[in-house]
Amino acid sequence: MLFSVLAPVLLGLALAWAADRRLAARLPARPLVYLTGPLGALFGTWVAGASLGPGHVLGSLTGATLFGGVLLSLLLRPPARRLRGVLPH
């Protein structure tokens, strides 16, 4: 029981850490990122476990990874671009 909760949380934290390291300029505040990753992974495990049934640990962890990654990608902001010289004066 502990593994089914601890594994997705650690996986979500790893996803949040990787996103924070790679895309820190395009993400909101760190606490939000480090909260979204594990919560998304937990919800993804729950959805995958409900759809696959009991005994599919690898499928549940795959669902946790995918759902946590999708939720973290929803936090991304567009890259900062300079529009100097584009608009007429």
PDB file of N, CA and C in Angstrom:
ATOM      1  N   MET A   1       0.819  -1.194   0.000  1.00  0.00           N
ATOM      2  CA  MET A   1       0.000   0.000   0.000  1.00  0.00           C
ATOM      3  C   MET A   1       0.865   1.260   0.000  1.00  0.00           C
ATOM      4  N   LEU A   2       1.919   1.219   0.781  1.00  0.00           N
ATOM      5  CA  LEU A   2       2.806   2.375   0.852  1.00  0.00           C
ATOM      6  C   LEU A   2       3.514   2.601  -0.477  1.00  0.00           C
ATOM      7  N   PHE A   3       3.892   1.524  -1.165  1.00  0.00           N
ATOM      8  CA  PHE A   3       4.557   1.640  -2.457  1.00  0.00           C
ATOM      9  C   PHE A   3       3.636   2.279  -3.487  1.00  0.00           C
ATOM     10  N   SER A   4       2.344   1.967  -3.424  1.00  0.00           N
ATOM     11  CA  SER A   4       1.420   2.502  -4.424  1.00  0.00           C
ATOM     12  C   SER A   4       1.194   4.005  -4.260  1.00  0.00           C
ATOM     13  N   VAL A   5       1.545   4.553  -3.119  1.00  0.00           N
ATOM     14  CA  VAL A   5       1.441   6.001  -2.914  1.00  0.00           C
ATOM     15  C   VAL A   5       2.812   6.662  -3.034  1.00  0.00           C
ATOM     16  N   LEU A   6       3.820   6.027  -2.480  1.00  0.00           N
ATOM     17  CA  LEU A   6       5.150   6.630  -2.449  1.00  0.00           C
ATOM     18  C   LEU A   6       5.816   6.670  -3.827  1.00  0.00           C
ATOM     19  N   ALA A   7       5.638   5.626  -4.621  1.00  0.00           N
ATOM     20  CA  ALA A   7       6.274   5.581  -5.944  1.00  0.00           C
ATOM     21  C   ALA A   7       5.788   6.702  -6.863  1.00  0.00           C
ATOM     22  N   PRO A   8       4.467   6.934  -7.005  1.00  0.00           N
ATOM     23  CA  PRO A   8       4.044   8.049  -7.870  1.00  0.00           C
ATOM     24  C   PRO A   8       4.457   9.420  -7.336  1.00  0.00           C
ATOM     25  N   VAL A   9       4.470   9.573  -6.013  1.00  0.00           N
ATOM     26  CA  VAL A   9       4.887  10.862  -5.450  1.00  0.00           C
ATOM     27  C   VAL A   9       6.355  11.126  -5.776  1.00  0.00           C
ATOM     28  N   LEU A  10       7.204  10.123  -5.605  1.00  0.00           N
ATOM     29  CA  LEU A  10       8.617  10.294  -5.946  1.00  0.00           C
ATOM     30  C   LEU A  10       8.812  10.504  -7.447  1.00  0.00           C
ATOM     31  N   LEU A  11       8.016   9.807  -8.242  1.00  0.00           N
ATOM     32  CA  LEU A  11       8.080   9.995  -9.692  1.00  0.00           C
ATOM     33  C   LEU A  11       7.639  11.406 -10.075  1.00  0.00           C
ATOM     34  N   GLY A  12       6.589  11.901  -9.448  1.00  0.00           N
ATOM     35  CA  GLY A  12       6.132  13.267  -9.703  1.00  0.00           C
ATOM     36  C   GLY A  12       7.142  14.307  -9.261  1.00  0.00           C
ATOM     37  N   LEU A  13       7.807  14.058  -8.132  1.00  0.00           N
ATOM     38  CA  LEU A  13       8.856  14.981  -7.695  1.00  0.00           C
ATOM     39  C   LEU A  13      10.027  14.985  -8.662  1.00  0.00           C
ATOM     40  N   ALA A  14      10.358  13.824  -9.193  1.00  0.00           N
ATOM     41  CA  ALA A  14      11.442  13.746 -10.179  1.00  0.00           C
ATOM     42  C   ALA A  14      11.062  14.490 -11.457  1.00  0.00           C
ATOM     43  N   LEU A  15       9.816  14.348 -11.881  1.00  0.00           N
ATOM     44  CA  LEU A  15       9.355  15.091 -13.066  1.00  0.00           C
ATOM     45  C   LEU A  15       9.377  16.594 -12.814  1.00  0.00           C
ATOM     46  N   ALA A  16       8.929  17.012 -11.643  1.00  0.00           N
ATOM     47  CA  ALA A  16       8.924  18.441 -11.317  1.00  0.00           C
ATOM     48  C   ALA A  16      10.347  18.982 -11.239  1.00  0.00           C
ATOM     49  N   TRP A  17      11.268  18.201 -10.662  1.00  0.00           N
ATOM     50  CA  TRP A  17      12.658  18.632 -10.577  1.00  0.00           C
ATOM     51  C   TRP A  17      13.254  18.790 -11.972  1.00  0.00           C
ATOM     52  N   ALA A  18      12.985  17.804 -12.841  1.00  0.00           N
ATOM     53  CA  ALA A  18      13.530  17.867 -14.208  1.00  0.00           C
ATOM     54  C   ALA A  18      12.951  19.062 -14.966  1.00  0.00           C
ATOM     55  N   ALA A  19      11.657  19.297 -14.802  1.00  0.00           N
ATOM     56  CA  ALA A  19      11.043  20.442 -15.474  1.00  0.00           C
ATOM     57  C   ALA A  19      11.594  21.750 -14.923  1.00  0.00           C
ATOM     58  N   ASP A  20      11.805  21.803 -13.623  1.00  0.00           N
ATOM     59  CA  ASP A  20      12.333  23.025 -13.015  1.00  0.00           C
ATOM     60  C   ASP A  20      13.772  23.285 -13.454  1.00  0.00           C
ATOM     61  N   ARG A  21      14.562  22.241 -13.579  1.00  0.00           N
ATOM     62  CA  ARG A  21      15.936  22.403 -14.032  1.00  0.00           C
ATOM     63  C   ARG A  21      16.012  22.826 -15.488  1.00  0.00           C
ATOM     64  N   ARG A  22      15.152  22.257 -16.308  1.00  0.00           N
ATOM     65  CA  ARG A  22      15.224  22.467 -17.756  1.00  0.00           C
ATOM     66  C   ARG A  22      14.478  23.723 -18.209  1.00  0.00           C
ATOM     67  N   LEU A  23      13.338  24.011 -17.596  1.00  0.00           N
ATOM     68  CA  LEU A  23      12.456  25.077 -18.080  1.00  0.00           C
ATOM     69  C   LEU A  23      12.126  26.100 -16.996  1.00  0.00           C
ATOM     70  N   ALA A  24      13.065  26.430 -16.147  1.00  0.00           N
ATOM     71  CA  ALA A  24      12.796  27.311 -15.003  1.00  0.00           C
ATOM     72  C   ALA A  24      12.289  28.690 -15.425  1.00  0.00           C
ATOM     73  N   ALA A  25      12.761  29.201 -16.549  1.00  0.00           N
ATOM     74  CA  ALA A  25      12.350  30.542 -16.981  1.00  0.00           C
ATOM     75  C   ALA A  25      10.908  30.578 -17.478  1.00  0.00           C
ATOM     76  N   ARG A  26      10.376  29.435 -17.881  1.00  0.00           N
ATOM     77  CA  ARG A  26       9.029  29.410 -18.448  1.00  0.00           C
ATOM     78  C   ARG A  26       7.979  28.868 -17.483  1.00  0.00           C
ATOM     79  N   LEU A  27       8.384  28.530 -16.266  1.00  0.00           N
ATOM     80  CA  LEU A  27       7.462  27.972 -15.283  1.00  0.00           C
ATOM     81  C   LEU A  27       7.115  29.007 -14.222  1.00  0.00           C
ATOM     82  N   PRO A  28       5.959  28.852 -13.557  1.00  0.00           N
ATOM     83  CA  PRO A  28       5.636  29.755 -12.445  1.00  0.00           C
ATOM     84  C   PRO A  28       6.487  29.426 -11.215  1.00  0.00           C
ATOM     85  N   ALA A  29       6.062  29.868 -10.078  1.00  0.00           N
ATOM     86  CA  ALA A  29       6.833  29.697  -8.838  1.00  0.00           C
ATOM     87  C   ALA A  29       7.126  28.224  -8.550  1.00  0.00           C
ATOM     88  N   ARG A  30       8.282  27.984  -7.967  1.00  0.00           N
ATOM     89  CA  ARG A  30       8.724  26.610  -7.685  1.00  0.00           C
ATOM     90  C   ARG A  30       7.770  25.824  -6.807  1.00  0.00           C
ATOM     91  N   PRO A  31       7.192  26.411  -5.756  1.00  0.00           N
ATOM     92  CA  PRO A  31       6.270  25.612  -4.943  1.00  0.00           C
ATOM     93  C   PRO A  31       5.091  25.053  -5.746  1.00  0.00           C
ATOM     94  N   LEU A  32       4.609  25.815  -6.691  1.00  0.00           N
ATOM     95  CA  LEU A  32       3.516  25.335  -7.527  1.00  0.00           C
ATOM     96  C   LEU A  32       3.966  24.182  -8.414  1.00  0.00           C
ATOM     97  N   VAL A  33       5.160  24.268  -8.944  1.00  0.00           N
ATOM     98  CA  VAL A  33       5.690  23.197  -9.794  1.00  0.00           C
ATOM     99  C   VAL A  33       5.898  21.931  -8.977  1.00  0.00           C
ATOM    100  N   TYR A  34       6.492  22.078  -7.786  1.00  0.00           N
ATOM    101  CA  TYR A  34       6.772  20.911  -6.951  1.00  0.00           C
ATOM    102  C   TYR A  34       5.519  20.358  -6.278  1.00  0.00           C
ATOM    103  N   LEU A  35       4.426  21.057  -6.322  1.00  0.00           N
ATOM    104  CA  LEU A  35       3.151  20.530  -5.853  1.00  0.00           C
ATOM    105  C   LEU A  35       2.378  19.868  -6.988  1.00  0.00           C
ATOM    106  N   THR A  36       2.459  20.437  -8.178  1.00  0.00           N
ATOM    107  CA  THR A  36       1.731  19.914  -9.322  1.00  0.00           C
ATOM    108  C   THR A  36       2.262  18.557  -9.775  1.00  0.00           C
ATOM    109  N   GLY A  37       3.569  18.368  -9.772  1.00  0.00           N
ATOM    110  CA  GLY A  37       4.156  17.108 -10.218  1.00  0.00           C
ATOM    111  C   GLY A  37       3.657  15.900  -9.437  1.00  0.00           C
ATOM    112  N   PRO A  38       3.821  15.887  -8.102  1.00  0.00           N
ATOM    113  CA  PRO A  38       3.340  14.738  -7.338  1.00  0.00           C
ATOM    114  C   PRO A  38       1.826  14.568  -7.353  1.00  0.00           C
ATOM    115  N   LEU A  39       1.083  15.672  -7.290  1.00  0.00           N
ATOM    116  CA  LEU A  39      -0.381  15.542  -7.331  1.00  0.00           C
ATOM    117  C   LEU A  39      -0.851  15.008  -8.679  1.00  0.00           C
ATOM    118  N   GLY A  40      -0.221  15.455  -9.753  1.00  0.00           N
ATOM    119  CA  GLY A  40      -0.561  14.932 -11.070  1.00  0.00           C
ATOM    120  C   GLY A  40      -0.224  13.461 -11.201  1.00  0.00           C
ATOM    121  N   ALA A  41       0.913  13.062 -10.646  1.00  0.00           N
ATOM    122  CA  ALA A  41       1.304  11.656 -10.698  1.00  0.00           C
ATOM    123  C   ALA A  41       0.367  10.789  -9.868  1.00  0.00           C
ATOM    124  N   LEU A  42      -0.048  11.282  -8.705  1.00  0.00           N
ATOM    125  CA  LEU A  42      -1.002  10.524  -7.896  1.00  0.00           C
ATOM    126  C   LEU A  42      -2.336  10.365  -8.615  1.00  0.00           C
ATOM    127  N   PHE A  43      -2.809  11.437  -9.215  1.00  0.00           N
ATOM    128  CA  PHE A  43      -4.072  11.360  -9.941  1.00  0.00           C
ATOM    129  C   PHE A  43      -3.932  10.449 -11.159  1.00  0.00           C
ATOM    130  N   GLY A  44      -2.800  10.507 -11.834  1.00  0.00           N
ATOM    131  CA  GLY A  44      -2.565   9.626 -12.975  1.00  0.00           C
ATOM    132  C   GLY A  44      -2.522   8.166 -12.576  1.00  0.00           C
ATOM    133  N   THR A  45      -1.948   7.877 -11.411  1.00  0.00           N
ATOM    134  CA  THR A  45      -1.944   6.505 -10.908  1.00  0.00           C
ATOM    135  C   THR A  45      -3.355   6.041 -10.603  1.00  0.00           C
ATOM    136  N   TRP A  46      -4.140   6.916 -10.021  1.00  0.00           N
ATOM    137  CA  TRP A  46      -5.520   6.563  -9.692  1.00  0.00           C
ATOM    138  C   TRP A  46      -6.335   6.289 -10.957  1.00  0.00           C
ATOM    139  N   VAL A  47      -6.198   7.138 -11.966  1.00  0.00           N
ATOM    140  CA  VAL A  47      -6.932   6.944 -13.217  1.00  0.00           C
ATOM    141  C   VAL A  47      -6.473   5.662 -13.921  1.00  0.00           C
ATOM    142  N   ALA A  48      -5.167   5.443 -13.997  1.00  0.00           N
ATOM    143  CA  ALA A  48      -4.648   4.247 -14.654  1.00  0.00           C
ATOM    144  C   ALA A  48      -5.034   2.995 -13.880  1.00  0.00           C
ATOM    145  N   GLY A  49      -4.974   3.054 -12.559  1.00  0.00           N
ATOM    146  CA  GLY A  49      -5.360   1.908 -11.751  1.00  0.00           C
ATOM    147  C   GLY A  49      -6.841   1.598 -11.865  1.00  0.00           C
ATOM    148  N   ALA A  50      -7.661   2.630 -11.981  1.00  0.00           N
ATOM    149  CA  ALA A  50      -9.099   2.409 -12.133  1.00  0.00           C
ATOM    150  C   ALA A  50      -9.434   1.841 -13.510  1.00  0.00           C
ATOM    151  N   SER A  51      -8.685   2.234 -14.509  1.00  0.00           N
ATOM    152  CA  SER A  51      -9.003   1.747 -15.857  1.00  0.00           C
ATOM    153  C   SER A  51      -8.368   0.377 -16.141  1.00  0.00           C
ATOM    154  N   LEU A  52      -7.191   0.110 -15.590  1.00  0.00           N
ATOM    155  CA  LEU A  52      -6.519  -1.164 -15.843  1.00  0.00           C
ATOM    156  C   LEU A  52      -6.898  -2.251 -14.849  1.00  0.00           C
ATOM    157  N   GLY A  53      -7.256  -1.877 -13.656  1.00  0.00           N
ATOM    158  CA  GLY A  53      -7.570  -2.853 -12.631  1.00  0.00           C
ATOM    159  C   GLY A  53      -6.370  -3.100 -11.741  1.00  0.00           C
ATOM    160  N   PRO A  54      -6.574  -3.902 -10.702  1.00  0.00           N
ATOM    161  CA  PRO A  54      -5.471  -4.156  -9.772  1.00  0.00           C
ATOM    162  C   PRO A  54      -4.403  -5.059 -10.394  1.00  0.00           C
ATOM    163  N   GLY A  55      -3.176  -4.888  -9.916  1.00  0.00           N
ATOM    164  CA  GLY A  55      -2.094  -5.748 -10.360  1.00  0.00           C
ATOM    165  C   GLY A  55      -1.294  -5.243 -11.535  1.00  0.00           C
ATOM    166  N   HIS A  56      -1.586  -4.075 -12.029  1.00  0.00           N
ATOM    167  CA  HIS A  56      -0.847  -3.504 -13.161  1.00  0.00           C
ATOM    168  C   HIS A  56       0.023  -2.349 -12.661  1.00  0.00           C
ATOM    169  N   VAL A  57       1.085  -2.697 -11.981  1.00  0.00           N
ATOM    170  CA  VAL A  57       1.949  -1.681 -11.376  1.00  0.00           C
ATOM    171  C   VAL A  57       2.643  -0.859 -12.449  1.00  0.00           C
ATOM    172  N   LEU A  58       3.178  -1.521 -13.457  1.00  0.00           N
ATOM    173  CA  LEU A  58       3.890  -0.795 -14.517  1.00  0.00           C
ATOM    174  C   LEU A  58       2.941   0.120 -15.290  1.00  0.00           C
ATOM    175  N   GLY A  59       1.742  -0.339 -15.546  1.00  0.00           N
ATOM    176  CA  GLY A  59       0.754   0.499 -16.230  1.00  0.00           C
ATOM    177  C   GLY A  59       0.343   1.695 -15.395  1.00  0.00           C
ATOM    178  N   SER A  60       0.216   1.492 -14.087  1.00  0.00           N
ATOM    179  CA  SER A  60      -0.140   2.603 -13.200  1.00  0.00           C
ATOM    180  C   SER A  60       0.981   3.635 -13.130  1.00  0.00           C
ATOM    181  N   LEU A  61       2.230   3.169 -13.086  1.00  0.00           N
ATOM    182  CA  LEU A  61       3.349   4.114 -13.059  1.00  0.00           C
ATOM    183  C   LEU A  61       3.504   4.839 -14.392  1.00  0.00           C
ATOM    184  N   THR A  62       3.166   4.158 -15.474  1.00  0.00           N
ATOM    185  CA  THR A  62       3.183   4.822 -16.777  1.00  0.00           C
ATOM    186  C   THR A  62       2.114   5.908 -16.828  1.00  0.00           C
ATOM    187  N   GLY A  63       0.940   5.602 -16.311  1.00  0.00           N
ATOM    188  CA  GLY A  63      -0.120   6.609 -16.235  1.00  0.00           C
ATOM    189  C   GLY A  63       0.268   7.773 -15.357  1.00  0.00           C
ATOM    190  N   ALA A  64       0.976   7.486 -14.265  1.00  0.00           N
ATOM    191  CA  ALA A  64       1.436   8.553 -13.380  1.00  0.00           C
ATOM    192  C   ALA A  64       2.428   9.459 -14.090  1.00  0.00           C
ATOM    193  N   THR A  65       3.344   8.853 -14.838  1.00  0.00           N
ATOM    194  CA  THR A  65       4.336   9.642 -15.570  1.00  0.00           C
ATOM    195  C   THR A  65       3.679  10.512 -16.626  1.00  0.00           C
ATOM    196  N   LEU A  66       2.790   9.923 -17.390  1.00  0.00           N
ATOM    197  CA  LEU A  66       2.136  10.681 -18.459  1.00  0.00           C
ATOM    198  C   LEU A  66       1.277  11.811 -17.907  1.00  0.00           C
ATOM    199  N   PHE A  67       0.464  11.511 -16.910  1.00  0.00           N
ATOM    200  CA  PHE A  67      -0.442  12.532 -16.382  1.00  0.00           C
ATOM    201  C   PHE A  67       0.324  13.625 -15.651  1.00  0.00           C
ATOM    202  N   GLY A  68       1.363  13.251 -14.895  1.00  0.00           N
ATOM    203  CA  GLY A  68       2.190  14.268 -14.235  1.00  0.00           C
ATOM    204  C   GLY A  68       2.893  15.164 -15.237  1.00  0.00           C
ATOM    205  N   GLY A  69       3.393  14.578 -16.315  1.00  0.00           N
ATOM    206  CA  GLY A  69       4.036  15.379 -17.366  1.00  0.00           C
ATOM    207  C   GLY A  69       3.075  16.305 -18.078  1.00  0.00           C
ATOM    208  N   VAL A  70       1.861  15.822 -18.316  1.00  0.00           N
ATOM    209  CA  VAL A  70       0.854  16.662 -18.973  1.00  0.00           C
ATOM    210  C   VAL A  70       0.474  17.835 -18.081  1.00  0.00           C
ATOM    211  N   LEU A  71       0.263  17.585 -16.799  1.00  0.00           N
ATOM    212  CA  LEU A  71      -0.088  18.689 -15.903  1.00  0.00           C
ATOM    213  C   LEU A  71       1.046  19.693 -15.767  1.00  0.00           C
ATOM    214  N   LEU A  72       2.280  19.207 -15.731  1.00  0.00           N
ATOM    215  CA  LEU A  72       3.404  20.144 -15.679  1.00  0.00           C
ATOM    216  C   LEU A  72       3.521  20.947 -16.969  1.00  0.00           C
ATOM    217  N   SER A  73       3.192  20.337 -18.095  1.00  0.00           N
ATOM    218  CA  SER A  73       3.272  21.075 -19.357  1.00  0.00           C
ATOM    219  C   SER A  73       2.198  22.158 -19.437  1.00  0.00           C
ATOM    220  N   LEU A  74       1.102  21.988 -18.704  1.00  0.00           N
ATOM    221  CA  LEU A  74       0.072  23.029 -18.691  1.00  0.00           C
ATOM    222  C   LEU A  74       0.513  24.272 -17.930  1.00  0.00           C
ATOM    223  N   LEU A  75       1.543  24.145 -17.121  1.00  0.00           N
ATOM    224  CA  LEU A  75       2.071  25.298 -16.384  1.00  0.00           C
ATOM    225  C   LEU A  75       3.007  26.162 -17.218  1.00  0.00           C
ATOM    226  N   LEU A  76       3.462  25.648 -18.343  1.00  0.00           N
ATOM    227  CA  LEU A  76       4.442  26.377 -19.156  1.00  0.00           C
ATOM    228  C   LEU A  76       3.855  27.657 -19.734  1.00  0.00           C
ATOM    229  N   ARG A  77       4.652  28.695 -19.695  1.00  0.00           N
ATOM    230  CA  ARG A  77       4.290  29.954 -20.341  1.00  0.00           C
ATOM    231  C   ARG A  77       5.002  30.026 -21.680  1.00  0.00           C
ATOM    232  N   PRO A  78       4.486  30.831 -22.601  1.00  0.00           N
ATOM    233  CA  PRO A  78       5.193  30.980 -23.876  1.00  0.00           C
ATOM    234  C   PRO A  78       6.560  31.623 -23.646  1.00  0.00           C
ATOM    235  N   PRO A  79       7.506  31.316 -24.526  1.00  0.00           N
ATOM    236  CA  PRO A  79       8.838  31.923 -24.363  1.00  0.00           C
ATOM    237  C   PRO A  79       8.771  33.429 -24.569  1.00  0.00           C
ATOM    238  N   ALA A  80       9.598  34.123 -23.846  1.00  0.00           N
ATOM    239  CA  ALA A  80       9.653  35.584 -23.970  1.00  0.00           C
ATOM    240  C   ALA A  80      10.284  35.947 -25.305  1.00  0.00           C
ATOM    241  N   ARG A  81       9.557  36.677 -26.092  1.00  0.00           N
ATOM    242  CA  ARG A  81      10.080  37.123 -27.392  1.00  0.00           C
ATOM    243  C   ARG A  81      10.050  38.641 -27.432  1.00  0.00           C
ATOM    244  N   ARG A  82      10.982  39.173 -28.108  1.00  0.00           N
ATOM    245  CA  ARG A  82      11.009  40.628 -28.269  1.00  0.00           C
ATOM    246  C   ARG A  82      10.277  40.985 -29.563  1.00  0.00           C
ATOM    247  N   LEU A  83       9.387  41.906 -29.433  1.00  0.00           N
ATOM    248  CA  LEU A  83       8.618  42.337 -30.588  1.00  0.00           C
ATOM    249  C   LEU A  83       9.093  43.691 -31.086  1.00  0.00           C
ATOM    250  N   ARG A  84      10.293  44.038 -30.767  1.00  0.00           N
ATOM    251  CA  ARG A  84      10.839  45.330 -31.182  1.00  0.00           C
ATOM    252  C   ARG A  84      10.944  45.383 -32.699  1.00  0.00           C
ATOM    253  N   GLY A  85      10.423  46.385 -33.274  1.00  0.00           N
ATOM    254  CA  GLY A  85      10.495  46.582 -34.712  1.00  0.00           C
ATOM    255  C   GLY A  85       9.392  45.880 -35.493  1.00  0.00           C
ATOM    256  N   VAL A  86       8.529  45.162 -34.844  1.00  0.00           N
ATOM    257  CA  VAL A  86       7.464  44.452 -35.540  1.00  0.00           C
ATOM    258  C   VAL A  86       6.256  45.356 -35.723  1.00  0.00           C
ATOM    259  N   LEU A  87       5.933  46.104 -34.700  1.00  0.00           N
ATOM    260  CA  LEU A  87       4.758  46.967 -34.771  1.00  0.00           C
ATOM    261  C   LEU A  87       5.113  48.301 -35.420  1.00  0.00           C
ATOM    262  N   PRO A  88       4.225  48.820 -36.280  1.00  0.00           N
ATOM    263  CA  PRO A  88       4.517  50.128 -36.902  1.00  0.00           C
ATOM    264  C   PRO A  88       4.392  51.243 -35.878  1.00  0.00           C
ATOM    265  N   HIS A  89       5.180  52.286 -36.067  1.00  0.00           N
ATOM    266  CA  HIS A  89       5.170  53.425 -35.150  1.00  0.00           C
ATOM    267  C   HIS A  89       4.273  54.513 -35.632  1.00  0.00           C
TER     268      HIS A  89
END
